[in-house]
């Protein structure tokens, strides 16, 4: 991590919602989800928050050797967003405690505030992390 990764970092990230980020696309094999409205899925909103945070802090890491993984999220999903609208995520890095980062986030779609969240991420050494995941996968495949 670089010295520039400090609390108070603010960022904004915009994403136009395509049809394939709506509820029926979240798990295409789930018949129940196929009957749901075509609005931004909460699961994809979580991913959008993660992406926004990653984009904001990568310049402050030794990327790609250092990366971050999500370790916690507390959020609400206040309003539905149909495809075509642009979601704007605004964020603040609230805390840097060792390798753990805490963010405050909001999202709006040009009509409504659609979410508020706090999100925790951990800075990892990508090579070591991937090696542990590979070892774990090998245990299951035997």
Foldseek 3Di string as FASTA:
>chain_A
DAPPPFFFQKDKDKDAAAQCQFQCNPDVVDPVSVPDDSWHDPVVVVVVVVVRVQVRCVVRDPPPQKGKDWDDKDKDFADTHHGGFMKMKIKTFHDDDPQKTKMWIWIDRVPGTGMTMITIMGIDRVVVVVVVVVVVVVVVVD
